[in-house]
Amino acid sequence: MFEEVCRAIVDTGQFEQATVNTMDWTTRTTHLVHTQGAITIPEAFRVRSLDDPDAQSISSIVFLSGTTVVVDGLLSDERISPRIRNALRDGGVGAAAAVPLRCGDRLAGSLSIVSSEKGFFADEVVRLVERIGNDISSALDNIERNRQKELTEAALARSEKQYSTLVERSAVGVLQIDKDGNATYANPAMYRIAGLKGDDSSMLHWVEREHPDDQAITQRYWRETILAQGSGMATYRYVHDDGKIVWVQAQAEPIKDDDGEISQFVIMVTDITAETELRARSEKLSRMYACLSRVNSIIVQVEEESALFDQVCDALVNVGHFDHVSFLLADWERRKVRGMHWTGPMVMPPWFLERNIDDPEERSLSSITLQSGEPQIANDYVNDARVAAFARATAESTGVGSAMTAPLWRNGNLCGTLAVISGEKGFFIDEIYALIIEIARDVSFALDNLDRVE
């Protein structure tokens, strides 16, 4: 641009010289970027210090004042350093005018025009030169805006690429949904959390991957979030095809279009299974220790066998939060096991209360415990092949998740079992297993004490 402007001024305007200098305010040096005309500019003058008194030119005065400068007698004007005037003496220089070039609010350069005629720059000529300077300044503004736009777009592209890379590699699930609740994007972590393959179209129906007990709650929650046009958080579960449960905490944030209307939601989904299971484990153990303490109090105070069984059953259900607890005693003469005391919200069928110890068709965990004298655990009762098929079928319809039996001893003889049932699969972790055995031993100790009292 500078080259074309300088050439047009010299060729069309019949001027001796046209020069554009730019200013580096950091170093306070002027730089000649283009000159056109008959005057030869010495190399020493192409880069000059603004503060060097021996290098003061008409462009220096423009940079120092920020205004248009007119010199009617360039070779006699004492504002111009002698060194510069001597260099121009043989160039046929008469008068000169220089105007500032601005880029935004910044003084970026100067345009200097030289005429061989002294007094050439009358007011109307100066206004014309200033107009040229203003046009160049406008062009510089446009160039800078375009440059900044390109820089911004490049930075945005880099940012979007970085964001995309981070999202793709993130361990946090990212789910994008429209206002109707349909998924429009999911990152790889989201597929892993939901138990899906990366190309599985069922992510479009992401709510269906949730635990059946959570779907109605989360559907209502997301509708309320969308209707409220605000952010929100929810905790729910995903169920994998293999039955694995994944607990998640989801944070929804709205995305607005250029008109300020919500167009989509981004949901950040964090796998909190480990934390949830750890908290649940801690709560279970806390309840079990409280239950053990309660049982210890019972065996010290109780005076009758029936009261012992009833109160221990109540403690395990009310304090330990089990769904069913029963004491089953062995009738060794008839080779039967009979339920004597039981309680809990889970109701067991009549056959559960009296069964043949040795009949494979009636085999239960209590049968196995009475045959072996060892505790038994079924953390997936319905699919435990040790238990008779009809018992497993009944357990499935009743909602049994896991069960445990511990032997009861009386005067050194195996006399029955303590049966504890939970609706939760995998409930009997090692610590709970040990505490149930301890409770069974405490009950056995209490039975021995009752016999000695009698």
Protein backbone atom coordinates (compact mmCIF):
# COMPACT_ATOMS: atom_id res chain seq x y z
CA MET A 1 0.00 0.00 0.00
CA PHE A 2 2.76 2.49 0.94
CA GLU A 3 4.57 1.87 -2.32
CA GLU A 4 1.45 2.51 -4.39
CA VAL A 5 0.60 5.70 -2.49
CA CYS A 6 4.12 7.11 -2.81
CA ARG A 7 4.27 6.29 -6.50
CA ALA A 8 0.89 7.95 -7.14
CA ILE A 9 1.93 11.11 -5.29
CA VAL A 10 5.16 11.47 -7.27
CA ASP A 11 3.88 10.41 -10.69
CA THR A 12 0.48 12.06 -10.59
CA GLY A 13 1.08 14.99 -8.25
CA GLN A 14 4.44 15.92 -9.80
CA PHE A 15 6.16 16.04 -6.43
CA GLU A 16 9.88 15.53 -5.93
CA GLN A 17 9.59 12.92 -3.23
CA ALA A 18 7.06 11.00 -1.12
CA THR A 19 8.19 9.02 1.93
CA VAL A 20 6.50 6.93 4.58
CA ASN A 21 8.16 6.39 7.95
CA THR A 22 6.86 4.25 10.79
CA MET A 23 7.53 4.62 14.49
CA ASP A 24 8.71 2.02 17.00
CA TRP A 25 7.72 3.60 20.29
CA THR A 26 9.44 0.88 22.27
CA THR A 27 12.86 1.89 20.97
CA ARG A 28 11.76 5.42 19.93
CA THR A 29 13.20 4.94 16.46
CA THR A 30 11.74 5.92 13.09
CA HIS A 31 11.96 3.49 10.19
CA LEU A 32 11.76 4.43 6.51
CA VAL A 33 9.49 1.82 4.95
CA HIS A 34 9.15 3.32 1.47
CA THR A 35 10.26 6.36 -0.48
CA GLN A 36 9.62 7.38 -4.07
CA GLY A 37 11.28 10.19 -6.06
CA ALA A 38 14.53 11.66 -7.28
CA ILE A 39 16.09 12.32 -3.88
CA THR A 40 18.44 9.67 -2.64
CA ILE A 41 17.99 8.96 1.07
CA PRO A 42 21.28 7.93 2.69
CA GLU A 43 21.22 4.58 4.50
CA ALA A 44 22.18 6.33 7.72
CA PHE A 45 18.86 8.21 7.66
CA ARG A 46 16.59 5.22 7.09
CA VAL A 47 16.56 4.31 10.80
CA ARG A 48 16.86 7.23 13.19
CA SER A 49 16.49 7.85 16.88
CA LEU A 50 13.65 10.20 17.68
CA ASP A 51 15.72 11.71 20.47
CA ASP A 52 18.92 12.25 18.41
CA PRO A 53 19.26 16.02 17.79
CA ASP A 54 21.47 15.32 14.76
CA ALA A 55 18.75 13.23 13.13
CA GLN A 56 15.74 15.56 13.39
CA SER A 57 13.68 15.62 10.18
CA ILE A 58 10.21 16.78 9.26
CA SER A 59 8.87 13.33 10.16
CA SER A 60 10.60 13.58 13.57
CA ILE A 61 8.67 16.78 14.23
CA VAL A 62 5.41 15.00 13.32
CA PHE A 63 6.13 12.17 15.74
CA LEU A 64 7.02 14.58 18.52
CA SER A 65 4.03 16.87 17.99
CA GLY A 66 1.44 14.48 16.58
CA THR A 67 0.28 17.16 14.16
CA THR A 68 0.74 18.22 10.52
CA VAL A 69 4.05 19.99 9.87
CA VAL A 70 4.72 22.36 6.93
CA VAL A 71 8.21 23.63 6.07
CA ASP A 72 8.25 26.33 3.38
CA GLY A 73 12.06 26.48 3.20
CA LEU A 74 13.28 23.01 4.02
CA LEU A 75 16.97 23.84 3.69
CA SER A 76 16.75 26.90 5.94
CA ASP A 77 14.37 25.65 8.64
CA GLU A 78 16.37 25.32 11.84
CA ARG A 79 13.94 22.69 13.21
CA ILE A 80 15.60 20.33 10.75
CA SER A 81 19.06 19.20 11.88
CA PRO A 82 22.00 20.57 9.83
CA ARG A 83 23.04 17.04 8.98
CA ILE A 84 19.67 16.35 7.31
CA ARG A 85 19.63 19.71 5.52
CA ASN A 86 23.13 19.17 4.12
CA ALA A 87 22.15 15.75 2.83
CA LEU A 88 19.15 17.25 1.00
CA ARG A 89 20.95 20.34 -0.34
CA ASP A 90 21.62 18.91 -3.81
CA GLY A 91 18.19 17.39 -4.20
CA GLY A 92 16.30 20.38 -5.48
CA VAL A 93 14.27 20.64 -2.30
CA GLY A 94 12.09 23.72 -1.80
CA ALA A 95 9.24 22.97 0.62
CA ALA A 96 7.83 19.95 2.43
CA ALA A 97 4.76 18.87 4.34
CA ALA A 98 4.32 15.85 6.63
CA VAL A 99 1.13 14.45 8.16
CA PRO A 100 0.68 11.87 10.92
CA LEU A 101 -0.56 8.37 10.08
CA ARG A 102 -2.65 6.79 12.80
CA CYS A 103 -3.81 3.27 13.50
CA GLY A 104 -6.64 3.55 15.97
CA ASP A 105 -5.46 5.79 18.78
CA ARG A 106 -1.82 5.09 18.07
CA LEU A 107 0.50 7.38 16.10
CA ALA A 108 1.97 4.78 13.77
CA GLY A 109 3.80 6.70 11.06
CA SER A 110 4.14 9.77 8.90
CA LEU A 111 3.75 10.67 5.25
CA SER A 112 6.26 13.29 4.00
CA ILE A 113 5.89 15.04 0.64
CA VAL A 114 8.62 17.23 -0.86
CA SER A 115 8.19 19.91 -3.55
CA SER A 116 10.95 21.76 -5.39
CA GLU A 117 8.95 24.96 -5.08
CA LYS A 118 9.25 27.01 -1.93
CA GLY A 119 5.94 28.07 -0.40
CA PHE A 120 4.15 25.38 -2.38
CA PHE A 121 2.04 24.06 0.48
CA ALA A 122 -0.80 26.54 0.62
CA ASP A 123 -3.73 25.77 2.92
CA GLU A 124 -5.75 23.93 0.30
CA VAL A 125 -2.73 21.79 -0.62
CA VAL A 126 -2.10 20.98 3.04
CA ARG A 127 -5.76 19.95 3.44
CA LEU A 128 -5.35 17.67 0.43
CA VAL A 129 -2.22 16.10 1.95
CA GLU A 130 -4.05 15.66 5.29
CA ARG A 131 -6.90 13.98 3.45
CA ILE A 132 -4.41 11.56 1.90
CA GLY A 133 -3.01 10.94 5.39
CA ASN A 134 -6.51 10.30 6.75
CA ASP A 135 -7.24 7.85 3.94
CA ILE A 136 -4.01 6.00 4.69
CA SER A 137 -4.90 5.98 8.42
CA SER A 138 -8.32 4.50 7.60
CA ALA A 139 -6.62 1.85 5.51
CA LEU A 140 -4.24 1.10 8.37
CA ASP A 141 -7.25 0.74 10.70
CA ASN A 142 -8.86 -1.72 8.31
CA ILE A 143 -5.63 -3.68 7.94
CA GLU A 144 -5.22 -3.81 11.73
CA ARG A 145 -8.84 -4.86 12.23
CA ASN A 146 -8.45 -7.62 9.67
CA ARG A 147 -5.18 -8.67 11.28
CA GLN A 148 -6.77 -8.74 14.72
CA LYS A 149 -9.74 -10.63 13.32
CA GLU A 150 -7.42 -13.19 11.76
CA LEU A 151 -5.49 -13.47 15.02
CA THR A 152 -8.73 -13.84 16.96
CA GLU A 153 -10.07 -16.44 14.55
CA ALA A 154 -6.77 -18.31 14.67
CA ALA A 155 -6.76 -18.14 18.47
CA LEU A 156 -10.39 -19.26 18.54
CA ALA A 157 -9.60 -22.13 16.20
CA ARG A 158 -6.68 -23.14 18.42
CA SER A 159 -8.87 -22.79 21.48
CA GLU A 160 -11.65 -24.85 19.94
CA LYS A 161 -9.14 -27.50 18.90
CA GLN A 162 -7.64 -27.54 22.38
CA TYR A 163 -11.11 -27.69 23.93
CA SER A 164 -12.12 -30.48 21.57
CA THR A 165 -8.94 -32.39 22.42
CA LEU A 166 -9.52 -31.90 26.14
CA VAL A 167 -13.15 -33.00 25.86
CA GLU A 168 -12.23 -36.04 23.81
CA ARG A 169 -9.54 -37.06 26.30
CA SER A 170 -11.37 -36.01 29.45
CA ALA A 171 -12.27 -38.57 32.11
CA VAL A 172 -15.44 -36.56 32.72
CA GLY A 173 -18.38 -37.40 30.48
CA VAL A 174 -19.65 -34.57 28.28
CA LEU A 175 -23.17 -34.90 26.93
CA GLN A 176 -24.80 -32.28 24.73
CA ILE A 177 -28.59 -32.34 24.45
CA ASP A 178 -31.15 -30.20 22.69
CA LYS A 179 -34.17 -28.63 24.37
CA ASP A 180 -36.17 -31.80 23.75
CA GLY A 181 -33.67 -33.84 25.74
CA ASN A 182 -32.17 -35.62 22.72
CA ALA A 183 -28.41 -36.19 22.75
CA THR A 184 -26.53 -34.42 19.94
CA TYR A 185 -22.98 -35.22 21.12
CA ALA A 186 -21.22 -37.42 23.64
CA ASN A 187 -17.47 -37.70 24.25
CA PRO A 188 -15.72 -41.09 24.68
CA ALA A 189 -15.83 -40.84 28.48
CA MET A 190 -19.60 -40.45 28.32
CA TYR A 191 -19.91 -43.66 26.34
CA ARG A 192 -17.70 -45.47 28.85
CA ILE A 193 -19.68 -44.18 31.81
CA ALA A 194 -22.97 -45.20 30.21
CA GLY A 195 -21.56 -48.59 29.22
CA LEU A 196 -21.88 -48.06 25.46
CA LYS A 197 -19.64 -48.38 22.44
CA GLY A 198 -18.47 -45.24 20.69
CA ASP A 199 -20.72 -45.81 17.71
CA ASP A 200 -23.76 -46.91 19.68
CA SER A 201 -26.78 -44.90 18.55
CA SER A 202 -28.58 -45.65 21.79
CA MET A 203 -26.82 -42.62 23.30
CA LEU A 204 -29.51 -40.67 21.49
CA HIS A 205 -31.83 -42.14 24.09
CA TRP A 206 -29.46 -41.56 26.97
CA VAL A 207 -32.15 -41.58 29.66
CA GLU A 208 -32.96 -45.19 28.81
CA ARG A 209 -29.46 -46.16 29.97
CA GLU A 210 -30.26 -44.99 33.47
CA HIS A 211 -31.30 -47.26 36.30
CA PRO A 212 -35.07 -47.93 36.02
CA ASP A 213 -35.63 -46.51 39.50
CA ASP A 214 -33.95 -43.23 38.49
CA GLN A 215 -35.48 -42.57 35.06
CA ALA A 216 -38.70 -40.90 36.18
CA ILE A 217 -36.81 -38.72 38.67
CA THR A 218 -34.18 -37.54 36.20
CA GLN A 219 -36.67 -36.99 33.38
CA ARG A 220 -38.71 -34.74 35.63
CA TYR A 221 -35.55 -33.04 36.88
CA TRP A 222 -34.21 -32.24 33.41
CA ARG A 223 -37.61 -30.98 32.28
CA GLU A 224 -37.72 -28.64 35.25
CA THR A 225 -34.16 -27.51 34.55
CA ILE A 226 -34.96 -26.78 30.90
CA LEU A 227 -38.22 -25.06 31.72
CA ALA A 228 -36.49 -22.96 34.35
CA GLN A 229 -33.76 -22.11 31.81
CA GLY A 230 -31.10 -22.51 34.45
CA SER A 231 -28.32 -24.84 35.49
CA GLY A 232 -28.80 -27.80 37.78
CA MET A 233 -27.25 -30.89 39.29
CA ALA A 234 -28.53 -34.44 39.72
CA THR A 235 -27.22 -37.76 41.00
CA TYR A 236 -28.36 -40.99 39.39
CA ARG A 237 -27.19 -44.38 38.11
CA TYR A 238 -26.38 -45.95 34.78
CA VAL A 239 -26.79 -49.68 34.27
CA HIS A 240 -24.37 -51.52 31.96
CA ASP A 241 -25.37 -54.56 29.96
CA ASP A 242 -23.43 -56.79 32.36
CA GLY A 243 -25.38 -55.42 35.32
CA LYS A 244 -22.65 -53.10 36.56
CA ILE A 245 -24.00 -50.00 38.33
CA VAL A 246 -22.28 -46.67 37.76
CA TRP A 247 -23.20 -43.76 40.00
CA VAL A 248 -22.85 -40.32 38.41
CA GLN A 249 -23.21 -36.68 39.32
CA ALA A 250 -24.41 -34.59 36.40
CA GLN A 251 -24.16 -30.80 36.11
CA ALA A 252 -26.24 -29.15 33.37
CA GLU A 253 -25.46 -25.73 31.93
CA PRO A 254 -27.43 -23.93 29.18
CA ILE A 255 -25.96 -22.82 25.86
CA LYS A 256 -27.54 -19.70 24.37
CA ASP A 257 -27.69 -18.67 20.73
CA ASP A 258 -26.92 -15.20 19.33
CA ASP A 259 -30.40 -14.03 20.33
CA GLY A 260 -29.87 -15.03 23.95
CA GLU A 261 -32.25 -17.99 23.70
CA ILE A 262 -31.31 -21.37 25.14
CA SER A 263 -30.58 -23.72 22.25
CA GLN A 264 -28.84 -26.62 23.97
CA PHE A 265 -27.55 -27.94 27.27
CA VAL A 266 -24.11 -29.29 28.09
CA ILE A 267 -24.10 -31.89 30.84
CA MET A 268 -20.85 -32.70 32.62
CA VAL A 269 -21.16 -36.25 33.95
CA THR A 270 -18.71 -37.40 36.64
CA ASP A 271 -18.36 -41.03 37.68
CA ILE A 272 -18.78 -41.00 41.48
CA THR A 273 -19.16 -44.75 41.88
CA ALA A 274 -16.04 -45.16 43.99
CA GLU A 275 -17.01 -42.31 46.33
CA THR A 276 -20.62 -43.51 46.54
CA GLU A 277 -19.62 -47.09 47.27
CA LEU A 278 -17.08 -45.94 49.86
CA ARG A 279 -19.73 -43.82 51.58
CA ALA A 280 -22.27 -46.67 51.44
CA ARG A 281 -19.67 -49.07 52.80
CA SER A 282 -18.92 -46.71 55.68
CA GLU A 283 -22.62 -46.31 56.43
CA LYS A 284 -23.17 -50.08 56.36
CA LEU A 285 -20.30 -50.70 58.74
CA SER A 286 -21.45 -47.91 61.03
CA ARG A 287 -24.90 -49.51 61.22
CA MET A 288 -23.43 -52.96 61.78
CA TYR A 289 -21.22 -51.80 64.66
CA ALA A 290 -24.25 -50.10 66.19
CA CYS A 291 -26.17 -53.33 65.68
CA LEU A 292 -23.42 -55.37 67.35
CA SER A 293 -23.44 -52.99 70.29
CA ARG A 294 -27.20 -53.37 70.55
CA VAL A 295 -26.95 -57.18 70.46
CA ASN A 296 -24.32 -57.12 73.21
CA SER A 297 -26.75 -55.12 75.36
CA ILE A 298 -29.54 -57.59 74.60
CA ILE A 299 -27.63 -60.72 75.59
CA VAL A 300 -26.70 -59.16 78.92
CA GLN A 301 -30.29 -58.25 79.78
CA VAL A 302 -32.43 -60.98 78.21
CA GLU A 303 -33.74 -63.82 80.35
CA GLU A 304 -35.73 -65.89 77.85
CA GLU A 305 -34.78 -67.59 74.60
CA SER A 306 -37.76 -66.25 72.67
CA ALA A 307 -37.01 -62.70 73.81
CA LEU A 308 -33.37 -63.15 72.76
CA PHE A 309 -34.34 -64.20 69.22
CA ASP A 310 -37.04 -61.52 68.87
CA GLN A 311 -34.86 -58.65 70.07
CA VAL A 312 -31.83 -59.68 68.00
CA CYS A 313 -34.08 -59.94 64.91
CA ASP A 314 -35.45 -56.46 65.60
CA ALA A 315 -31.94 -55.03 66.09
CA LEU A 316 -30.68 -56.45 62.78
CA VAL A 317 -33.71 -55.10 60.88
CA ASN A 318 -34.14 -51.72 62.60
CA VAL A 319 -30.49 -50.86 63.27
CA GLY A 320 -28.72 -52.97 60.63
CA HIS A 321 -31.35 -52.19 57.95
CA PHE A 322 -31.65 -55.80 56.72
CA ASP A 323 -34.76 -56.72 54.76
CA HIS A 324 -35.34 -60.04 56.50
CA VAL A 325 -33.81 -61.75 59.53
CA SER A 326 -34.75 -65.15 60.93
CA PHE A 327 -33.52 -67.73 63.40
CA LEU A 328 -33.94 -71.28 62.09
CA LEU A 329 -33.45 -74.19 64.47
CA ALA A 330 -32.57 -77.74 63.51
CA ASP A 331 -34.79 -80.70 64.34
CA TRP A 332 -32.11 -83.34 63.99
CA GLU A 333 -34.47 -86.25 64.64
CA ARG A 334 -36.67 -85.31 61.68
CA ARG A 335 -33.75 -83.79 59.73
CA LYS A 336 -35.75 -80.59 59.38
CA VAL A 337 -34.91 -76.91 59.78
CA ARG A 338 -37.69 -74.70 61.09
CA GLY A 339 -38.03 -70.93 61.33
CA MET A 340 -38.70 -69.97 64.93
CA HIS A 341 -38.37 -66.19 64.92
CA TRP A 342 -38.30 -63.78 62.02
CA THR A 343 -38.97 -60.17 61.11
CA GLY A 344 -38.40 -57.61 58.35
CA PRO A 345 -40.21 -55.90 55.48
CA MET A 346 -39.42 -58.78 53.11
CA VAL A 347 -42.06 -61.50 53.62
CA MET A 348 -40.85 -65.07 53.16
CA PRO A 349 -43.19 -67.84 51.90
CA PRO A 350 -44.30 -70.72 54.24
CA TRP A 351 -41.86 -73.26 52.75
CA PHE A 352 -39.00 -71.07 53.94
CA LEU A 353 -39.99 -71.74 57.55
CA GLU A 354 -39.67 -75.53 57.40
CA ARG A 355 -37.43 -77.46 55.04
CA ASN A 356 -35.69 -80.79 54.74
CA ILE A 357 -32.02 -80.45 55.52
CA ASP A 358 -30.89 -83.21 53.17
CA ASP A 359 -33.29 -82.86 50.21
CA PRO A 360 -31.46 -81.27 47.21
CA GLU A 361 -34.81 -79.96 45.96
CA GLU A 362 -35.14 -77.90 49.14
CA ARG A 363 -31.52 -76.89 49.53
CA SER A 364 -30.91 -73.43 50.98
CA LEU A 365 -27.99 -71.64 52.60
CA SER A 366 -29.31 -72.75 55.99
CA SER A 367 -29.28 -76.37 54.80
CA ILE A 368 -25.67 -76.03 53.69
CA THR A 369 -24.66 -74.37 56.97
CA LEU A 370 -26.33 -77.14 59.01
CA GLN A 371 -24.61 -79.78 56.88
CA SER A 372 -21.17 -78.15 57.03
CA GLY A 373 -21.22 -76.13 60.22
CA GLU A 374 -19.77 -73.21 58.21
CA PRO A 375 -21.17 -69.75 57.39
CA GLN A 376 -22.51 -69.34 53.86
CA ILE A 377 -22.83 -66.28 51.61
CA ALA A 378 -24.73 -65.79 48.37
CA ASN A 379 -24.08 -62.25 47.14
CA ASP A 380 -26.16 -62.97 44.04
CA TYR A 381 -28.75 -65.29 45.51
CA VAL A 382 -30.95 -65.66 42.46
CA ASN A 383 -28.04 -66.95 40.37
CA ASP A 384 -26.34 -69.10 43.03
CA ALA A 385 -26.42 -72.69 41.78
CA ARG A 386 -25.95 -74.10 45.30
CA VAL A 387 -29.50 -73.08 46.13
CA ALA A 388 -32.48 -75.13 44.87
CA ALA A 389 -34.04 -73.79 41.69
CA PHE A 390 -37.50 -73.23 43.13
CA ALA A 391 -35.93 -71.33 46.07
CA ARG A 392 -34.07 -69.06 43.67
CA ALA A 393 -37.22 -68.43 41.65
CA THR A 394 -39.12 -67.51 44.79
CA ALA A 395 -36.25 -65.28 45.93
CA GLU A 396 -36.29 -63.43 42.62
CA SER A 397 -40.00 -62.66 42.92
CA THR A 398 -39.51 -61.62 46.55
CA GLY A 399 -36.63 -59.27 45.76
CA VAL A 400 -33.80 -61.13 47.46
CA GLY A 401 -30.44 -59.73 46.38
CA SER A 402 -27.99 -61.44 48.72
CA ALA A 403 -28.15 -63.63 51.80
CA MET A 404 -25.93 -65.02 54.54
CA THR A 405 -26.30 -67.75 57.13
CA ALA A 406 -24.16 -68.21 60.24
CA PRO A 407 -24.21 -71.29 62.49
CA LEU A 408 -25.66 -71.21 66.01
CA TRP A 409 -24.10 -73.43 68.65
CA ARG A 410 -25.58 -74.58 71.94
CA ASN A 411 -23.42 -76.36 74.47
CA GLY A 412 -21.00 -77.25 71.70
CA ASN A 413 -23.68 -78.64 69.39
CA LEU A 414 -24.83 -77.12 66.10
CA CYS A 415 -28.45 -76.14 66.76
CA GLY A 416 -29.52 -73.77 63.99
CA THR A 417 -28.68 -70.79 61.86
CA LEU A 418 -28.99 -67.03 61.81
CA ALA A 419 -30.26 -66.08 58.32
CA VAL A 420 -29.85 -62.48 57.15
CA ILE A 421 -31.20 -61.21 53.82
CA SER A 422 -30.67 -57.96 51.88
CA GLY A 423 -32.39 -56.77 48.74
CA GLU A 424 -29.00 -55.48 47.54
CA LYS A 425 -26.67 -57.72 45.58
CA GLY A 426 -23.12 -57.90 46.85
CA PHE A 427 -24.13 -56.65 50.30
CA PHE A 428 -22.02 -59.03 52.35
CA ILE A 429 -18.53 -57.57 52.15
CA ASP A 430 -15.80 -59.08 54.31
CA GLU A 431 -16.31 -56.73 57.25
CA ILE A 432 -20.07 -57.33 57.42
CA TYR A 433 -19.47 -61.08 57.04
CA ALA A 434 -17.19 -60.99 60.10
CA LEU A 435 -19.68 -58.93 62.14
CA ILE A 436 -22.59 -61.28 61.35
CA ILE A 437 -20.47 -64.22 62.50
CA GLU A 438 -19.64 -62.30 65.68
CA ILE A 439 -23.33 -61.64 66.31
CA ALA A 440 -24.10 -65.35 65.78
CA ARG A 441 -21.38 -66.25 68.29
CA ASP A 442 -22.81 -63.75 70.80
CA VAL A 443 -26.25 -65.33 70.41
CA SER A 444 -24.68 -68.79 70.87
CA PHE A 445 -22.97 -67.52 74.01
CA ALA A 446 -26.31 -66.17 75.29
CA LEU A 447 -28.00 -69.54 74.64
CA ASP A 448 -25.32 -71.26 76.69
CA ASN A 449 -25.84 -68.76 79.51
CA LEU A 450 -29.60 -69.28 79.47
CA ASP A 451 -29.08 -73.03 79.76
CA ARG A 452 -26.74 -72.56 82.72
CA VAL A 453 -29.25 -70.29 84.46
CA GLU A 454 -31.99 -72.87 83.98
